[in-house]
N, C-alpha and C. Protein backbone atom coordinates (compact mmCIF):
# COMPACT_ATOMS: atom_id res chain seq x y z
N MET A 1 15.50 88.57 6.83
CA MET A 1 16.19 87.95 5.69
C MET A 1 17.53 87.41 6.13
N ILE A 2 17.88 86.23 5.71
CA ILE A 2 19.17 85.63 6.03
C ILE A 2 20.24 86.41 5.28
N MET A 3 21.38 86.62 5.92
CA MET A 3 22.46 87.37 5.27
C MET A 3 22.82 86.66 3.95
N THR A 4 22.73 87.42 2.90
CA THR A 4 23.02 86.85 1.57
C THR A 4 24.40 87.35 1.15
N GLU A 5 24.88 86.74 0.09
CA GLU A 5 26.15 87.20 -0.48
C GLU A 5 25.90 88.59 -1.10
N ILE A 6 26.90 89.42 -1.04
CA ILE A 6 26.79 90.75 -1.63
C ILE A 6 26.67 90.61 -3.16
N LEU A 7 27.41 89.65 -3.71
CA LEU A 7 27.37 89.44 -5.17
C LEU A 7 27.31 87.95 -5.41
N SER A 8 26.25 87.51 -6.03
CA SER A 8 26.15 86.07 -6.43
C SER A 8 25.82 86.01 -7.91
N LYS A 9 25.87 84.81 -8.47
CA LYS A 9 25.65 84.69 -9.91
C LYS A 9 24.19 85.07 -10.27
N ASP A 10 23.29 85.00 -9.32
CA ASP A 10 21.89 85.39 -9.58
C ASP A 10 21.76 86.92 -9.71
N ASN A 11 22.77 87.66 -9.32
CA ASN A 11 22.74 89.14 -9.38
C ASN A 11 23.33 89.65 -10.70
N VAL A 12 23.74 88.73 -11.58
CA VAL A 12 24.41 89.10 -12.82
C VAL A 12 23.44 88.90 -13.99
N MET A 13 23.28 89.94 -14.81
CA MET A 13 22.43 89.86 -15.98
C MET A 13 23.30 90.12 -17.21
N LEU A 14 23.39 89.13 -18.08
CA LEU A 14 24.23 89.26 -19.27
C LEU A 14 23.41 89.64 -20.52
N ASN A 15 24.02 90.27 -21.48
CA ASN A 15 23.43 90.59 -22.78
C ASN A 15 22.09 91.34 -22.68
N ALA A 16 22.04 92.29 -21.77
CA ALA A 16 20.81 93.10 -21.67
C ALA A 16 20.79 94.07 -22.84
N ASN A 17 19.57 94.41 -23.24
CA ASN A 17 19.37 95.35 -24.32
C ASN A 17 18.46 96.43 -23.80
N VAL A 18 19.00 97.62 -23.57
CA VAL A 18 18.22 98.74 -23.07
C VAL A 18 18.33 99.91 -24.01
N GLY A 19 17.28 100.70 -24.06
CA GLY A 19 17.27 101.84 -25.00
C GLY A 19 17.71 103.16 -24.39
N THR A 20 17.50 103.30 -23.07
CA THR A 20 17.79 104.57 -22.42
C THR A 20 18.55 104.36 -21.10
N LYS A 21 19.17 105.45 -20.64
CA LYS A 21 19.85 105.42 -19.35
C LYS A 21 18.87 105.08 -18.24
N GLU A 22 17.65 105.66 -18.26
CA GLU A 22 16.67 105.37 -17.22
C GLU A 22 16.30 103.91 -17.20
N GLU A 23 16.08 103.35 -18.38
CA GLU A 23 15.75 101.93 -18.48
C GLU A 23 16.88 101.07 -17.91
N ALA A 24 18.11 101.45 -18.20
CA ALA A 24 19.27 100.72 -17.69
C ALA A 24 19.34 100.76 -16.19
N ILE A 25 19.10 101.93 -15.63
CA ILE A 25 19.16 102.06 -14.16
C ILE A 25 18.00 101.31 -13.50
N ARG A 26 16.82 101.38 -14.10
CA ARG A 26 15.67 100.63 -13.56
C ARG A 26 15.96 99.12 -13.58
N LEU A 27 16.55 98.63 -14.64
CA LEU A 27 16.89 97.21 -14.75
C LEU A 27 17.89 96.81 -13.70
N THR A 28 18.92 97.64 -13.52
CA THR A 28 19.96 97.38 -12.52
C THR A 28 19.33 97.34 -11.13
N GLY A 29 18.44 98.30 -10.85
CA GLY A 29 17.75 98.36 -9.54
C GLY A 29 16.79 97.19 -9.33
N SER A 30 16.14 96.77 -10.43
CA SER A 30 15.15 95.68 -10.28
C SER A 30 15.83 94.35 -9.87
N VAL A 31 17.08 94.17 -10.27
CA VAL A 31 17.81 92.98 -9.80
C VAL A 31 17.98 93.06 -8.30
N LEU A 32 18.32 94.22 -7.78
CA LEU A 32 18.50 94.39 -6.32
C LEU A 32 17.16 94.16 -5.59
N VAL A 33 16.09 94.63 -6.19
CA VAL A 33 14.74 94.43 -5.59
C VAL A 33 14.39 92.97 -5.59
N GLU A 34 14.51 92.31 -6.77
CA GLU A 34 14.16 90.90 -6.94
C GLU A 34 14.91 90.00 -5.97
N LYS A 35 16.16 90.30 -5.70
CA LYS A 35 17.00 89.47 -4.84
C LYS A 35 16.85 89.82 -3.36
N GLY A 36 15.98 90.81 -3.06
CA GLY A 36 15.70 91.12 -1.66
C GLY A 36 16.67 92.06 -0.96
N TYR A 37 17.53 92.74 -1.68
CA TYR A 37 18.49 93.65 -1.06
C TYR A 37 17.81 94.99 -0.72
N VAL A 38 16.88 95.41 -1.52
CA VAL A 38 16.27 96.73 -1.33
C VAL A 38 14.78 96.71 -1.57
N ASP A 39 14.07 97.72 -1.06
CA ASP A 39 12.66 97.94 -1.36
C ASP A 39 12.58 98.56 -2.78
N GLU A 40 11.44 98.45 -3.40
CA GLU A 40 11.25 98.99 -4.74
C GLU A 40 11.51 100.50 -4.80
N SER A 41 11.24 101.18 -3.72
CA SER A 41 11.42 102.67 -3.66
C SER A 41 12.87 103.03 -3.93
N TYR A 42 13.80 102.11 -3.71
CA TYR A 42 15.24 102.39 -3.91
C TYR A 42 15.53 102.74 -5.37
N ILE A 43 14.79 102.15 -6.28
CA ILE A 43 15.02 102.44 -7.74
C ILE A 43 14.79 103.91 -8.02
N GLU A 44 13.75 104.51 -7.46
CA GLU A 44 13.49 105.94 -7.65
C GLU A 44 14.64 106.77 -7.11
N LYS A 45 15.23 106.31 -6.01
CA LYS A 45 16.37 107.02 -5.39
C LYS A 45 17.63 106.88 -6.26
N MET A 46 17.73 105.76 -6.98
CA MET A 46 18.83 105.60 -7.94
C MET A 46 18.68 106.62 -9.10
N LEU A 47 17.43 106.76 -9.59
CA LEU A 47 17.17 107.70 -10.62
C LEU A 47 17.40 109.16 -10.15
N GLU A 48 17.02 109.38 -8.91
CA GLU A 48 17.21 110.72 -8.31
C GLU A 48 18.69 111.06 -8.24
N ARG A 49 19.50 110.08 -7.82
CA ARG A 49 20.96 110.23 -7.76
C ARG A 49 21.52 110.59 -9.13
N GLU A 50 21.06 109.90 -10.12
CA GLU A 50 21.52 110.11 -11.51
C GLU A 50 21.20 111.53 -11.99
N ALA A 51 20.03 112.03 -11.58
CA ALA A 51 19.62 113.39 -11.92
C ALA A 51 20.52 114.44 -11.28
N LEU A 52 21.01 114.12 -10.06
CA LEU A 52 21.87 115.04 -9.34
C LEU A 52 23.26 115.08 -9.96
N THR A 53 23.81 113.91 -10.21
CA THR A 53 25.15 113.78 -10.79
C THR A 53 25.28 112.43 -11.44
N SER A 54 25.84 112.40 -12.62
CA SER A 54 25.92 111.13 -13.37
C SER A 54 26.74 110.08 -12.60
N THR A 55 26.29 108.85 -12.70
CA THR A 55 27.03 107.74 -12.08
C THR A 55 27.97 107.09 -13.10
N TYR A 56 28.11 107.74 -14.27
CA TYR A 56 29.07 107.25 -15.30
C TYR A 56 30.46 107.48 -14.72
N MET A 57 31.30 106.42 -14.75
CA MET A 57 32.62 106.50 -14.15
C MET A 57 33.75 106.53 -15.20
N GLY A 58 33.37 106.42 -16.44
CA GLY A 58 34.42 106.33 -17.47
C GLY A 58 34.63 104.87 -17.81
N ASN A 59 35.36 104.62 -18.91
CA ASN A 59 35.72 103.24 -19.26
C ASN A 59 34.51 102.34 -19.45
N PHE A 60 33.40 102.87 -19.96
CA PHE A 60 32.16 102.11 -20.25
C PHE A 60 31.41 101.64 -18.99
N VAL A 61 31.73 102.21 -17.82
CA VAL A 61 31.13 101.76 -16.57
C VAL A 61 30.30 102.83 -15.90
N ALA A 62 29.12 102.45 -15.40
CA ALA A 62 28.31 103.30 -14.53
C ALA A 62 28.00 102.52 -13.25
N ILE A 63 27.93 103.26 -12.16
CA ILE A 63 27.68 102.63 -10.87
C ILE A 63 26.45 103.30 -10.23
N PRO A 64 25.25 102.93 -10.73
CA PRO A 64 24.06 103.53 -10.15
C PRO A 64 23.83 103.10 -8.70
N HIS A 65 23.46 104.06 -7.86
CA HIS A 65 23.20 103.78 -6.46
C HIS A 65 22.25 104.85 -5.95
N GLY A 66 21.71 104.64 -4.78
CA GLY A 66 20.73 105.57 -4.23
C GLY A 66 21.33 106.83 -3.66
N THR A 67 20.45 107.77 -3.32
CA THR A 67 20.88 109.03 -2.71
C THR A 67 21.20 108.78 -1.23
N GLU A 68 21.73 109.79 -0.58
CA GLU A 68 22.11 109.69 0.83
C GLU A 68 20.86 109.32 1.69
N ASP A 69 19.68 109.79 1.31
CA ASP A 69 18.47 109.54 2.14
C ASP A 69 17.75 108.25 1.73
N SER A 70 18.43 107.40 0.97
CA SER A 70 17.77 106.16 0.54
C SER A 70 18.13 104.94 1.43
N LYS A 71 18.94 105.18 2.47
CA LYS A 71 19.40 104.06 3.30
C LYS A 71 18.27 103.26 3.94
N SER A 72 17.14 103.91 4.21
CA SER A 72 16.01 103.23 4.85
C SER A 72 15.41 102.16 3.92
N PHE A 73 15.69 102.26 2.63
CA PHE A 73 15.18 101.30 1.65
C PHE A 73 16.08 100.10 1.44
N VAL A 74 17.26 100.11 2.07
CA VAL A 74 18.23 99.04 1.91
C VAL A 74 18.05 98.02 3.02
N LYS A 75 17.78 96.77 2.64
CA LYS A 75 17.59 95.69 3.62
C LYS A 75 18.93 95.00 3.93
N GLU A 76 19.70 94.74 2.87
CA GLU A 76 21.02 94.07 2.95
C GLU A 76 21.94 94.69 1.93
N SER A 77 23.24 94.67 2.18
CA SER A 77 24.16 95.16 1.16
C SER A 77 24.18 94.19 -0.01
N GLY A 78 24.16 94.75 -1.21
CA GLY A 78 24.18 93.91 -2.40
C GLY A 78 24.66 94.66 -3.63
N ILE A 79 25.05 93.89 -4.61
CA ILE A 79 25.54 94.41 -5.90
C ILE A 79 24.80 93.68 -6.99
N SER A 80 24.38 94.45 -8.01
CA SER A 80 23.86 93.83 -9.24
C SER A 80 24.77 94.29 -10.39
N ILE A 81 24.93 93.38 -11.35
CA ILE A 81 25.76 93.68 -12.50
C ILE A 81 24.93 93.44 -13.76
N VAL A 82 24.83 94.45 -14.57
CA VAL A 82 24.09 94.35 -15.85
C VAL A 82 25.06 94.68 -16.97
N GLN A 83 25.26 93.68 -17.85
CA GLN A 83 26.12 93.82 -19.00
C GLN A 83 25.26 94.23 -20.22
N VAL A 84 25.68 95.31 -20.86
CA VAL A 84 24.97 95.82 -22.05
C VAL A 84 25.99 95.92 -23.18
N PRO A 85 26.25 94.79 -23.87
CA PRO A 85 27.30 94.79 -24.89
C PRO A 85 27.15 95.84 -25.98
N ASP A 86 25.93 96.18 -26.35
CA ASP A 86 25.72 97.20 -27.38
C ASP A 86 25.82 98.61 -26.83
N GLY A 87 25.85 98.73 -25.52
CA GLY A 87 25.99 100.03 -24.88
C GLY A 87 24.70 100.82 -24.78
N VAL A 88 24.69 101.75 -23.85
CA VAL A 88 23.55 102.67 -23.67
C VAL A 88 24.17 104.04 -23.40
N ASP A 89 23.59 105.06 -23.97
CA ASP A 89 24.11 106.41 -23.89
C ASP A 89 23.73 107.01 -22.52
N PHE A 90 24.72 107.42 -21.75
CA PHE A 90 24.50 108.06 -20.45
C PHE A 90 24.61 109.58 -20.60
N GLY A 91 24.57 110.08 -21.81
CA GLY A 91 24.62 111.51 -22.05
C GLY A 91 26.06 111.99 -22.33
N GLY A 92 26.16 113.03 -23.11
CA GLY A 92 27.48 113.58 -23.43
C GLY A 92 28.38 112.66 -24.18
N GLY A 93 27.79 111.71 -24.90
CA GLY A 93 28.59 110.74 -25.65
C GLY A 93 29.20 109.65 -24.77
N ASN A 94 28.82 109.59 -23.53
CA ASN A 94 29.32 108.56 -22.61
C ASN A 94 28.51 107.29 -22.75
N ILE A 95 29.14 106.27 -23.31
CA ILE A 95 28.49 104.96 -23.53
C ILE A 95 28.82 104.03 -22.41
N VAL A 96 27.78 103.40 -21.86
CA VAL A 96 27.95 102.44 -20.75
C VAL A 96 27.64 101.05 -21.28
N LYS A 97 28.55 100.13 -20.98
CA LYS A 97 28.36 98.71 -21.33
C LYS A 97 28.29 97.82 -20.09
N LEU A 98 28.60 98.43 -18.96
CA LEU A 98 28.56 97.68 -17.71
C LEU A 98 28.00 98.53 -16.62
N LEU A 99 26.86 98.11 -16.03
CA LEU A 99 26.26 98.80 -14.91
C LEU A 99 26.45 97.97 -13.66
N ILE A 100 26.92 98.64 -12.62
CA ILE A 100 27.14 97.95 -11.35
C ILE A 100 26.26 98.67 -10.31
N GLY A 101 25.11 98.06 -9.97
CA GLY A 101 24.22 98.66 -9.02
C GLY A 101 24.66 98.34 -7.60
N ILE A 102 24.63 99.33 -6.74
CA ILE A 102 25.09 99.13 -5.37
C ILE A 102 23.99 99.54 -4.38
N ALA A 103 23.84 98.69 -3.37
CA ALA A 103 23.01 99.02 -2.21
C ALA A 103 23.85 98.67 -0.99
N GLY A 104 24.18 99.67 -0.19
CA GLY A 104 25.02 99.42 0.97
C GLY A 104 24.28 99.70 2.25
N LYS A 105 24.30 98.74 3.17
CA LYS A 105 23.70 98.89 4.47
C LYS A 105 24.67 99.70 5.34
N GLY A 106 24.20 100.72 6.01
CA GLY A 106 25.09 101.53 6.82
C GLY A 106 26.17 102.17 5.98
N ASP A 107 27.41 102.00 6.40
CA ASP A 107 28.54 102.58 5.60
C ASP A 107 29.23 101.56 4.74
N GLU A 108 28.64 100.37 4.57
CA GLU A 108 29.26 99.30 3.76
C GLU A 108 29.44 99.71 2.31
N HIS A 109 28.62 100.68 1.81
CA HIS A 109 28.72 101.05 0.40
C HIS A 109 30.11 101.60 0.07
N LEU A 110 30.74 102.23 1.02
CA LEU A 110 32.09 102.79 0.80
C LEU A 110 33.12 101.68 0.56
N ASP A 111 33.03 100.63 1.37
CA ASP A 111 33.92 99.48 1.22
C ASP A 111 33.64 98.78 -0.12
N ILE A 112 32.36 98.61 -0.46
CA ILE A 112 32.00 97.99 -1.71
C ILE A 112 32.51 98.82 -2.89
N LEU A 113 32.31 100.11 -2.86
CA LEU A 113 32.78 100.99 -3.91
C LEU A 113 34.28 100.92 -4.09
N SER A 114 35.04 100.86 -3.02
CA SER A 114 36.51 100.81 -3.14
C SER A 114 36.94 99.53 -3.80
N LYS A 115 36.27 98.43 -3.49
CA LYS A 115 36.64 97.14 -4.11
C LYS A 115 36.27 97.13 -5.60
N ILE A 116 35.13 97.72 -5.94
CA ILE A 116 34.71 97.83 -7.33
C ILE A 116 35.70 98.72 -8.11
N ALA A 117 36.12 99.81 -7.48
CA ALA A 117 37.05 100.75 -8.10
C ALA A 117 38.34 100.03 -8.46
N ILE A 118 38.80 99.13 -7.63
CA ILE A 118 40.03 98.40 -7.89
C ILE A 118 39.84 97.53 -9.14
N VAL A 119 38.75 96.80 -9.20
CA VAL A 119 38.46 95.95 -10.37
C VAL A 119 38.34 96.79 -11.63
N CYS A 120 37.60 97.91 -11.54
CA CYS A 120 37.32 98.72 -12.72
C CYS A 120 38.49 99.62 -13.15
N SER A 121 39.51 99.70 -12.32
CA SER A 121 40.66 100.54 -12.71
C SER A 121 41.49 99.85 -13.78
N GLU A 122 41.33 98.56 -13.94
CA GLU A 122 42.06 97.80 -14.96
C GLU A 122 41.22 97.68 -16.20
N GLU A 123 41.69 98.28 -17.31
CA GLU A 123 40.94 98.26 -18.57
C GLU A 123 40.62 96.84 -19.04
N GLU A 124 41.57 95.94 -18.85
CA GLU A 124 41.36 94.57 -19.32
C GLU A 124 40.27 93.88 -18.50
N ASN A 125 40.07 94.27 -17.26
CA ASN A 125 38.96 93.73 -16.48
C ASN A 125 37.62 94.15 -17.07
N ILE A 126 37.53 95.40 -17.47
CA ILE A 126 36.28 95.90 -18.07
C ILE A 126 35.99 95.16 -19.37
N GLU A 127 37.06 95.05 -20.21
CA GLU A 127 36.88 94.32 -21.49
C GLU A 127 36.39 92.90 -21.22
N SER A 128 36.96 92.23 -20.24
CA SER A 128 36.55 90.87 -19.90
C SER A 128 35.12 90.81 -19.41
N LEU A 129 34.75 91.78 -18.58
CA LEU A 129 33.37 91.84 -18.04
C LEU A 129 32.36 92.05 -19.18
N VAL A 130 32.69 92.94 -20.11
CA VAL A 130 31.76 93.25 -21.21
C VAL A 130 31.63 92.04 -22.15
N LYS A 131 32.68 91.24 -22.28
CA LYS A 131 32.68 90.10 -23.19
C LYS A 131 32.27 88.80 -22.51
N ALA A 132 32.12 88.79 -21.18
CA ALA A 132 31.84 87.57 -20.42
C ALA A 132 30.60 86.87 -20.95
N ASN A 133 30.67 85.56 -21.01
CA ASN A 133 29.56 84.72 -21.50
C ASN A 133 28.81 84.01 -20.36
N SER A 134 29.31 84.16 -19.13
CA SER A 134 28.60 83.51 -18.02
C SER A 134 28.79 84.35 -16.75
N ALA A 135 27.84 84.14 -15.87
CA ALA A 135 27.90 84.84 -14.55
C ALA A 135 29.15 84.42 -13.81
N GLU A 136 29.57 83.17 -13.98
CA GLU A 136 30.78 82.67 -13.31
C GLU A 136 32.02 83.47 -13.72
N GLU A 137 32.07 83.79 -15.03
CA GLU A 137 33.19 84.58 -15.51
C GLU A 137 33.23 85.93 -14.84
N VAL A 138 32.04 86.57 -14.73
CA VAL A 138 31.94 87.85 -14.06
C VAL A 138 32.35 87.74 -12.61
N LEU A 139 31.85 86.73 -11.91
CA LEU A 139 32.19 86.55 -10.49
C LEU A 139 33.66 86.31 -10.27
N ALA A 140 34.32 85.61 -11.17
CA ALA A 140 35.76 85.35 -11.05
C ALA A 140 36.54 86.67 -10.99
N ILE A 141 36.10 87.63 -11.80
CA ILE A 141 36.77 88.93 -11.83
C ILE A 141 36.49 89.74 -10.55
N PHE A 142 35.31 89.58 -10.00
CA PHE A 142 34.90 90.31 -8.80
C PHE A 142 35.07 89.54 -7.51
N GLU A 143 35.79 88.43 -7.54
CA GLU A 143 35.83 87.53 -6.36
C GLU A 143 36.26 88.23 -5.09
N GLY A 144 36.97 89.32 -5.16
CA GLY A 144 37.41 90.03 -3.98
C GLY A 144 36.33 90.87 -3.32
N VAL A 145 35.17 90.99 -3.97
CA VAL A 145 34.11 91.86 -3.42
C VAL A 145 33.35 91.20 -2.29
N ASN A 146 33.17 89.90 -2.35
CA ASN A 146 32.39 89.22 -1.30
C ASN A 146 33.12 89.22 0.04
């Protein structure tokens, strides 16, 4: 596979409507599968990670990603973004409106996570991402990730 961008407008899904946390994680993972970043088995590893410890980060954000032993399913580093304006319950009253799926080749996931953390540390960035009407708006906020 030719090296692709870690985050492109094709990796952004707006106005998703999901009923459960599992459905939300599967949708986030399916974008990574569709765009060729990971094998389909990676989605099960994302669900496994969630069962071990929640990927809810606060501020309406969850960052689903695979377990430590899922690296063999990652073809290229990539990010998927799924916007859920109505929110989905991640348990304990934690509502998620923005899912950021991560697949990191080697140790790249740490670099990707740190860049996402910078974007997500600003409450106004989260508000803008949840209200975004286009993939371009989302990319403008994340432009430092590529």
